[in-house]
């Protein structure tokens, strides 16, 4: 049971929530950072109702994140070997796992320090590696360098600002990630179905991702 007192931090009397609260308290995640990190969104509720029941109980949020890490070299191999259909399908599920691990962690109160740190790293590696292959192929070095370069700057900036402190990704950072995934996915689809609209749509979505990346870096200071 969750208890929130006015002008105080939330406390939990029992269950998985209590264990999670103790973990996060030890990490000094309190106040607005704690509330943001544990807030269950409408998307989380949708996944909890539609998809999470299909996931085996042994599959923890951290294991889903590990799947994303493990999928990256396989996706790279498939794309370089011109198995675009298989690479695109695996990229789709790998990108989807970013939403699944967060929804599972928040709705089942299984947020951990490792997950907070590893999740954005896995995202950046996934997007960076696939963009290096696909975006470069279709849009050239400039757009590729912008996407990867800004991500590197964001990561370095976050490390310098929050060294030895955990900082959950803010909404603007999540929107950036969604746009990056959609843009890269449509570029991959163009490799399977060479319809010009797919490439045009991909390009504009990636431009939008760059805008949110710059907002994330200079305005909201998100990872």
C-alpha atoms as a PDB file:
ATOM      1  CA  UNK A   1       0.000   0.000   0.000  1.00  0.00           C
ATOM      2  CA  UNK A   2       1.314   3.415  -0.981  1.00  0.00           C
ATOM      3  CA  UNK A   3       1.050   6.310   1.465  1.00  0.00           C
ATOM      4  CA  UNK A   4       1.791   9.902   0.403  1.00  0.00           C
ATOM      5  CA  UNK A   5       1.857  12.614   3.044  1.00  0.00           C
ATOM      6  CA  UNK A   6       1.742  16.288   2.175  1.00  0.00           C
ATOM      7  CA  UNK A   7       5.207  17.777   1.632  1.00  0.00           C
ATOM      8  CA  UNK A   8       6.817  14.394   2.277  1.00  0.00           C
ATOM      9  CA  UNK A   9       8.223  11.585   0.207  1.00  0.00           C
ATOM     10  CA  UNK A  10       6.071   8.511  -0.576  1.00  0.00           C
ATOM     11  CA  UNK A  11       6.370   5.506   1.692  1.00  0.00           C
ATOM     12  CA  UNK A  12       5.155   1.970   1.175  1.00  0.00           C
ATOM     13  CA  UNK A  13       3.942  -0.315   3.895  1.00  0.00           C
ATOM     14  CA  UNK A  14       4.447  -3.690   2.247  1.00  0.00           C
ATOM     15  CA  UNK A  15       5.035  -5.733  -0.882  1.00  0.00           C
ATOM     16  CA  UNK A  16       7.099  -5.175  -4.003  1.00  0.00           C
ATOM     17  CA  UNK A  17       6.564  -1.417  -3.794  1.00  0.00           C
ATOM     18  CA  UNK A  18       8.231  -1.347  -0.379  1.00  0.00           C
ATOM     19  CA  UNK A  19      11.276  -3.211  -1.706  1.00  0.00           C
ATOM     20  CA  UNK A  20      11.514  -0.872  -4.675  1.00  0.00           C
ATOM     21  CA  UNK A  21      11.196   2.207  -2.461  1.00  0.00           C
ATOM     22  CA  UNK A  22      14.061   0.973  -0.263  1.00  0.00           C
ATOM     23  CA  UNK A  23      16.245   0.406  -3.332  1.00  0.00           C
ATOM     24  CA  UNK A  24      15.567   3.853  -4.752  1.00  0.00           C
ATOM     25  CA  UNK A  25      15.976   5.557  -1.391  1.00  0.00           C
ATOM     26  CA  UNK A  26      19.446   4.032  -1.066  1.00  0.00           C
ATOM     27  CA  UNK A  27      20.248   5.488  -4.489  1.00  0.00           C
ATOM     28  CA  UNK A  28      19.194   8.946  -3.283  1.00  0.00           C
ATOM     29  CA  UNK A  29      16.401   9.053  -5.850  1.00  0.00           C
ATOM     30  CA  UNK A  30      13.874  11.228  -4.060  1.00  0.00           C
ATOM     31  CA  UNK A  31      11.549  14.123  -4.779  1.00  0.00           C
ATOM     32  CA  UNK A  32      10.715  14.967  -8.383  1.00  0.00           C
ATOM     33  CA  UNK A  33      13.235  12.450  -9.736  1.00  0.00           C
ATOM     34  CA  UNK A  34      11.586   9.627  -7.811  1.00  0.00           C
ATOM     35  CA  UNK A  35       8.085  10.690  -8.820  1.00  0.00           C
ATOM     36  CA  UNK A  36       9.094  10.948 -12.487  1.00  0.00           C
ATOM     37  CA  UNK A  37      10.887   7.617 -12.469  1.00  0.00           C
ATOM     38  CA  UNK A  38       7.999   5.694 -10.909  1.00  0.00           C
ATOM     39  CA  UNK A  39       5.114   7.458 -12.685  1.00  0.00           C
ATOM     40  CA  UNK A  40       2.979   4.973 -14.637  1.00  0.00           C
ATOM     41  CA  UNK A  41       1.989   6.438 -17.997  1.00  0.00           C
ATOM     42  CA  UNK A  42      -0.955   5.671 -20.265  1.00  0.00           C
ATOM     43  CA  UNK A  43       1.431   3.750 -22.535  1.00  0.00           C
ATOM     44  CA  UNK A  44       2.560   1.675 -19.552  1.00  0.00           C
ATOM     45  CA  UNK A  45      -1.073   0.834 -18.778  1.00  0.00           C
ATOM     46  CA  UNK A  46      -1.675  -0.162 -22.393  1.00  0.00           C
ATOM     47  CA  UNK A  47       1.327  -2.508 -22.394  1.00  0.00           C
ATOM     48  CA  UNK A  48       0.312  -3.857 -18.983  1.00  0.00           C
ATOM     49  CA  UNK A  49      -3.119  -4.764 -20.344  1.00  0.00           C
ATOM     50  CA  UNK A  50      -2.214  -5.926 -23.849  1.00  0.00           C
ATOM     51  CA  UNK A  51       1.348  -7.258 -23.941  1.00  0.00           C
ATOM     52  CA  UNK A  52       2.915  -7.763 -20.508  1.00  0.00           C
ATOM     53  CA  UNK A  53       0.583 -10.688 -19.630  1.00  0.00           C
ATOM     54  CA  UNK A  54       2.113 -12.545 -22.592  1.00  0.00           C
ATOM     55  CA  UNK A  55       5.653 -12.189 -21.214  1.00  0.00           C
ATOM     56  CA  UNK A  56       6.855 -15.148 -19.095  1.00  0.00           C
ATOM     57  CA  UNK A  57       7.220 -14.382 -15.394  1.00  0.00           C
ATOM     58  CA  UNK A  58      10.926 -15.182 -15.398  1.00  0.00           C
ATOM     59  CA  UNK A  59      11.520 -12.350 -17.881  1.00  0.00           C
ATOM     60  CA  UNK A  60      12.494  -9.387 -15.726  1.00  0.00           C
ATOM     61  CA  UNK A  61      12.938  -5.805 -16.998  1.00  0.00           C
ATOM     62  CA  UNK A  62      16.706  -6.201 -16.764  1.00  0.00           C
ATOM     63  CA  UNK A  63      16.615  -9.370 -18.854  1.00  0.00           C
ATOM     64  CA  UNK A  64      14.639  -7.538 -21.528  1.00  0.00           C
ATOM     65  CA  UNK A  65      17.320  -4.840 -21.527  1.00  0.00           C
ATOM     66  CA  UNK A  66      19.985  -7.538 -21.832  1.00  0.00           C
ATOM     67  CA  UNK A  67      18.084  -8.879 -24.859  1.00  0.00           C
ATOM     68  CA  UNK A  68      18.374  -5.423 -26.438  1.00  0.00           C
ATOM     69  CA  UNK A  69      22.136  -5.408 -25.842  1.00  0.00           C
ATOM     70  CA  UNK A  70      22.466  -8.943 -27.248  1.00  0.00           C
ATOM     71  CA  UNK A  71      20.360  -8.150 -30.320  1.00  0.00           C
ATOM     72  CA  UNK A  72      22.607  -5.300 -31.481  1.00  0.00           C
ATOM     73  CA  UNK A  73      25.496  -7.354 -32.956  1.00  0.00           C
ATOM     74  CA  UNK A  74      22.992  -9.743 -34.546  1.00  0.00           C
ATOM     75  CA  UNK A  75      21.137  -6.849 -36.209  1.00  0.00           C
ATOM     76  CA  UNK A  76      24.435  -5.415 -37.466  1.00  0.00           C
ATOM     77  CA  UNK A  77      25.438  -8.788 -38.937  1.00  0.00           C
ATOM     78  CA  UNK A  78      22.052  -9.267 -40.634  1.00  0.00           C
ATOM     79  CA  UNK A  79      22.108  -5.807 -42.203  1.00  0.00           C
ATOM     80  CA  UNK A  80      25.709  -6.077 -43.378  1.00  0.00           C
ATOM     81  CA  UNK A  81      24.934  -9.509 -44.837  1.00  0.00           C
ATOM     82  CA  UNK A  82      21.939  -8.008 -46.711  1.00  0.00           C
ATOM     83  CA  UNK A  83      19.364  -9.963 -44.698  1.00  0.00           C
ATOM     84  CA  UNK A  84      17.300  -6.798 -44.462  1.00  0.00           C
ATOM     85  CA  UNK A  85      13.969  -8.443 -43.663  1.00  0.00           C
ATOM     86  CA  UNK A  86      15.358 -10.412 -40.736  1.00  0.00           C
ATOM     87  CA  UNK A  87      17.394  -7.422 -39.547  1.00  0.00           C
ATOM     88  CA  UNK A  88      14.358  -5.131 -39.723  1.00  0.00           C
ATOM     89  CA  UNK A  89      12.147  -7.545 -37.799  1.00  0.00           C
ATOM     90  CA  UNK A  90      14.771  -7.970 -35.085  1.00  0.00           C
ATOM     91  CA  UNK A  91      15.305  -4.191 -34.910  1.00  0.00           C
ATOM     92  CA  UNK A  92      11.555  -3.693 -34.459  1.00  0.00           C
ATOM     93  CA  UNK A  93      11.402  -6.095 -31.514  1.00  0.00           C
ATOM     94  CA  UNK A  94      14.608  -4.700 -30.038  1.00  0.00           C
ATOM     95  CA  UNK A  95      13.242  -1.151 -30.220  1.00  0.00           C
ATOM     96  CA  UNK A  96       9.909  -2.321 -28.792  1.00  0.00           C
ATOM     97  CA  UNK A  97      11.755  -3.871 -25.857  1.00  0.00           C
ATOM     98  CA  UNK A  98      12.719  -0.346 -24.785  1.00  0.00           C
ATOM     99  CA  UNK A  99       9.067   0.377 -24.006  1.00  0.00           C
ATOM    100  CA  UNK A 100       8.440  -3.076 -22.569  1.00  0.00           C
ATOM    101  CA  UNK A 101      11.227  -3.095 -19.987  1.00  0.00           C
ATOM    102  CA  UNK A 102      10.210   0.338 -18.697  1.00  0.00           C
ATOM    103  CA  UNK A 103       6.509  -0.547 -18.539  1.00  0.00           C
ATOM    104  CA  UNK A 104       7.274  -3.820 -16.757  1.00  0.00           C
ATOM    105  CA  UNK A 105       9.609  -2.134 -14.290  1.00  0.00           C
ATOM    106  CA  UNK A 106       7.137   0.614 -13.400  1.00  0.00           C
ATOM    107  CA  UNK A 107       3.915  -1.399 -13.282  1.00  0.00           C
ATOM    108  CA  UNK A 108       5.459  -4.316 -11.376  1.00  0.00           C
ATOM    109  CA  UNK A 109       7.665  -2.116  -9.131  1.00  0.00           C
ATOM    110  CA  UNK A 110      10.902  -3.710 -10.327  1.00  0.00           C
ATOM    111  CA  UNK A 111      12.996  -0.590 -10.995  1.00  0.00           C
ATOM    112  CA  UNK A 112      16.689  -1.167 -10.262  1.00  0.00           C
ATOM    113  CA  UNK A 113      19.897   0.830 -10.406  1.00  0.00           C
ATOM    114  CA  UNK A 114      21.243  -1.384 -13.176  1.00  0.00           C
ATOM    115  CA  UNK A 115      18.114  -0.835 -15.253  1.00  0.00           C
ATOM    116  CA  UNK A 116      18.224   2.948 -14.834  1.00  0.00           C
ATOM    117  CA  UNK A 117      21.834   3.039 -16.034  1.00  0.00           C
ATOM    118  CA  UNK A 118      21.750   0.303 -18.682  1.00  0.00           C
ATOM    119  CA  UNK A 119      18.486   1.199 -20.440  1.00  0.00           C
ATOM    120  CA  UNK A 120      19.637   4.493 -22.066  1.00  0.00           C
ATOM    121  CA  UNK A 121      23.014   2.941 -22.916  1.00  0.00           C
ATOM    122  CA  UNK A 122      21.272   0.106 -24.769  1.00  0.00           C
ATOM    123  CA  UNK A 123      19.074   2.629 -26.583  1.00  0.00           C
ATOM    124  CA  UNK A 124      22.023   4.711 -27.749  1.00  0.00           C
ATOM    125  CA  UNK A 125      24.000   1.679 -28.899  1.00  0.00           C
ATOM    126  CA  UNK A 126      21.000   0.303 -30.804  1.00  0.00           C
ATOM    127  CA  UNK A 127      20.206   3.545 -32.614  1.00  0.00           C
ATOM    128  CA  UNK A 128      23.835   4.522 -33.162  1.00  0.00           C
ATOM    129  CA  UNK A 129      24.897   1.203 -34.660  1.00  0.00           C
ATOM    130  CA  UNK A 130      21.893   0.804 -36.963  1.00  0.00           C
ATOM    131  CA  UNK A 131      22.012   4.476 -37.997  1.00  0.00           C
ATOM    132  CA  UNK A 132      25.665   4.062 -38.889  1.00  0.00           C
ATOM    133  CA  UNK A 133      24.656   1.409 -41.408  1.00  0.00           C
ATOM    134  CA  UNK A 134      21.208   2.405 -42.637  1.00  0.00           C
ATOM    135  CA  UNK A 135      21.047   6.191 -42.301  1.00  0.00           C
ATOM    136  CA  UNK A 136      24.510   6.554 -43.797  1.00  0.00           C
ATOM    137  CA  UNK A 137      23.495   4.360 -46.733  1.00  0.00           C
ATOM    138  CA  UNK A 138      20.331   6.318 -47.553  1.00  0.00           C
ATOM    139  CA  UNK A 139      21.027   9.861 -46.310  1.00  0.00           C
ATOM    140  CA  UNK A 140      24.798  10.221 -46.191  1.00  0.00           C
ATOM    141  CA  UNK A 141      27.323  11.130 -43.556  1.00  0.00           C
ATOM    142  CA  UNK A 142      25.869  14.495 -42.470  1.00  0.00           C
ATOM    143  CA  UNK A 143      22.585  13.218 -41.024  1.00  0.00           C
ATOM    144  CA  UNK A 144      24.332  10.162 -39.601  1.00  0.00           C
ATOM    145  CA  UNK A 145      26.977  12.298 -37.898  1.00  0.00           C
ATOM    146  CA  UNK A 146      24.307  14.591 -36.438  1.00  0.00           C
ATOM    147  CA  UNK A 147      22.354  11.695 -34.932  1.00  0.00           C
ATOM    148  CA  UNK A 148      25.368   9.882 -33.506  1.00  0.00           C
ATOM    149  CA  UNK A 149      27.323  13.018 -32.587  1.00  0.00           C
ATOM    150  CA  UNK A 150      24.493  14.585 -30.605  1.00  0.00           C
ATOM    151  CA  UNK A 151      23.926  11.303 -28.758  1.00  0.00           C
ATOM    152  CA  UNK A 152      27.603  11.190 -27.784  1.00  0.00           C
ATOM    153  CA  UNK A 153      27.464  14.798 -26.576  1.00  0.00           C
ATOM    154  CA  UNK A 154      24.275  14.077 -24.585  1.00  0.00           C
ATOM    155  CA  UNK A 155      25.914  11.076 -22.941  1.00  0.00           C
ATOM    156  CA  UNK A 156      29.082  13.006 -22.064  1.00  0.00           C
ATOM    157  CA  UNK A 157      27.084  15.983 -20.834  1.00  0.00           C
ATOM    158  CA  UNK A 158      24.899  13.769 -18.635  1.00  0.00           C
ATOM    159  CA  UNK A 159      27.995  12.092 -17.189  1.00  0.00           C
ATOM    160  CA  UNK A 160      29.603  15.414 -16.321  1.00  0.00           C
ATOM    161  CA  UNK A 161      26.404  16.911 -14.868  1.00  0.00           C
ATOM    162  CA  UNK A 162      25.235  13.869 -12.959  1.00  0.00           C
ATOM    163  CA  UNK A 163      28.519  12.125 -12.176  1.00  0.00           C
ATOM    164  CA  UNK A 164      27.880   9.526  -9.485  1.00  0.00           C
ATOM    165  CA  UNK A 165      24.178  10.410  -9.485  1.00  0.00           C
ATOM    166  CA  UNK A 166      21.378   8.583 -11.247  1.00  0.00           C
ATOM    167  CA  UNK A 167      19.171  10.640 -13.540  1.00  0.00           C
ATOM    168  CA  UNK A 168      16.165   8.993 -15.218  1.00  0.00           C
ATOM    169  CA  UNK A 169      15.427   9.990 -18.805  1.00  0.00           C
ATOM    170  CA  UNK A 170      12.855  12.765 -19.161  1.00  0.00           C
ATOM    171  CA  UNK A 171       9.885  12.765 -21.524  1.00  0.00           C
ATOM    172  CA  UNK A 172      11.714  14.769 -24.190  1.00  0.00           C
ATOM    173  CA  UNK A 173      14.456  12.135 -24.237  1.00  0.00           C
ATOM    174  CA  UNK A 174      11.876   9.371 -24.627  1.00  0.00           C
ATOM    175  CA  UNK A 175      10.189  11.213 -27.506  1.00  0.00           C
ATOM    176  CA  UNK A 176      13.593  11.588 -29.160  1.00  0.00           C
ATOM    177  CA  UNK A 177      14.171   7.842 -28.847  1.00  0.00           C
ATOM    178  CA  UNK A 178      10.740   7.031 -30.313  1.00  0.00           C
ATOM    179  CA  UNK A 179      11.343   9.313 -33.301  1.00  0.00           C
ATOM    180  CA  UNK A 180      14.789   7.834 -33.858  1.00  0.00           C
ATOM    181  CA  UNK A 181      13.386   4.301 -33.814  1.00  0.00           C
ATOM    182  CA  UNK A 182      10.540   5.190 -36.195  1.00  0.00           C
ATOM    183  CA  UNK A 183      12.877   7.033 -38.566  1.00  0.00           C
ATOM    184  CA  UNK A 184      15.409   4.213 -38.662  1.00  0.00           C
ATOM    185  CA  UNK A 185      12.651   1.598 -39.016  1.00  0.00           C
ATOM    186  CA  UNK A 186      11.203   3.313 -42.090  1.00  0.00           C
ATOM    187  CA  UNK A 187      14.683   3.577 -43.601  1.00  0.00           C
ATOM    188  CA  UNK A 188      15.062  -0.161 -43.045  1.00  0.00           C
ATOM    189  CA  UNK A 189      11.659  -0.785 -44.618  1.00  0.00           C
ATOM    190  CA  UNK A 190      12.798   1.146 -47.696  1.00  0.00           C
ATOM    191  CA  UNK A 191      15.553  -1.437 -48.082  1.00  0.00           C
ATOM    192  CA  UNK A 192      12.809  -4.080 -48.361  1.00  0.00           C
ATOM    193  CA  UNK A 193      10.097  -2.101 -50.142  1.00  0.00           C
ATOM    194  CA  UNK A 194      11.785   0.646 -52.224  1.00  0.00           C
ATOM    195  CA  UNK A 195       8.843   3.063 -52.083  1.00  0.00           C
ATOM    196  CA  UNK A 196      10.086   6.702 -52.084  1.00  0.00           C
ATOM    197  CA  UNK A 197       7.520   7.756 -49.462  1.00  0.00           C
ATOM    198  CA  UNK A 198       9.175   5.519 -46.870  1.00  0.00           C
ATOM    199  CA  UNK A 199      12.506   7.260 -47.307  1.00  0.00           C
ATOM    200  CA  UNK A 200      10.992  10.754 -47.329  1.00  0.00           C
ATOM    201  CA  UNK A 201       8.998  10.015 -44.173  1.00  0.00           C
ATOM    202  CA  UNK A 202      12.071   8.522 -42.512  1.00  0.00           C
ATOM    203  CA  UNK A 203      14.143  11.615 -43.271  1.00  0.00           C
ATOM    204  CA  UNK A 204      11.654  14.076 -41.792  1.00  0.00           C
ATOM    205  CA  UNK A 205      11.111  11.930 -38.695  1.00  0.00           C
ATOM    206  CA  UNK A 206      14.880  11.812 -38.147  1.00  0.00           C
ATOM    207  CA  UNK A 207      15.017  15.598 -38.500  1.00  0.00           C
ATOM    208  CA  UNK A 208      12.357  15.765 -35.803  1.00  0.00           C
ATOM    209  CA  UNK A 209      14.450  13.433 -33.649  1.00  0.00           C
ATOM    210  CA  UNK A 210      17.396  15.817 -33.995  1.00  0.00           C
ATOM    211  CA  UNK A 211      15.217  18.726 -32.823  1.00  0.00           C
ATOM    212  CA  UNK A 212      14.189  16.778 -29.715  1.00  0.00           C
ATOM    213  CA  UNK A 213      17.794  15.709 -29.184  1.00  0.00           C
ATOM    214  CA  UNK A 214      18.877  19.363 -29.152  1.00  0.00           C
ATOM    215  CA  UNK A 215      16.035  20.221 -26.773  1.00  0.00           C
ATOM    216  CA  UNK A 216      17.128  17.314 -24.601  1.00  0.00           C
ATOM    217  CA  UNK A 217      20.696  18.610 -24.571  1.00  0.00           C
ATOM    218  CA  UNK A 218      20.254  22.362 -24.160  1.00  0.00           C
ATOM    219  CA  UNK A 219      16.811  22.945 -22.611  1.00  0.00           C
ATOM    220  CA  UNK A 220      15.614  19.948 -20.600  1.00  0.00           C
ATOM    221  CA  UNK A 221      19.036  18.419 -19.872  1.00  0.00           C
ATOM    222  CA  UNK A 222      17.782  14.886 -20.281  1.00  0.00           C
ATOM    223  CA  UNK A 223      19.606  11.705 -21.226  1.00  0.00           C
END
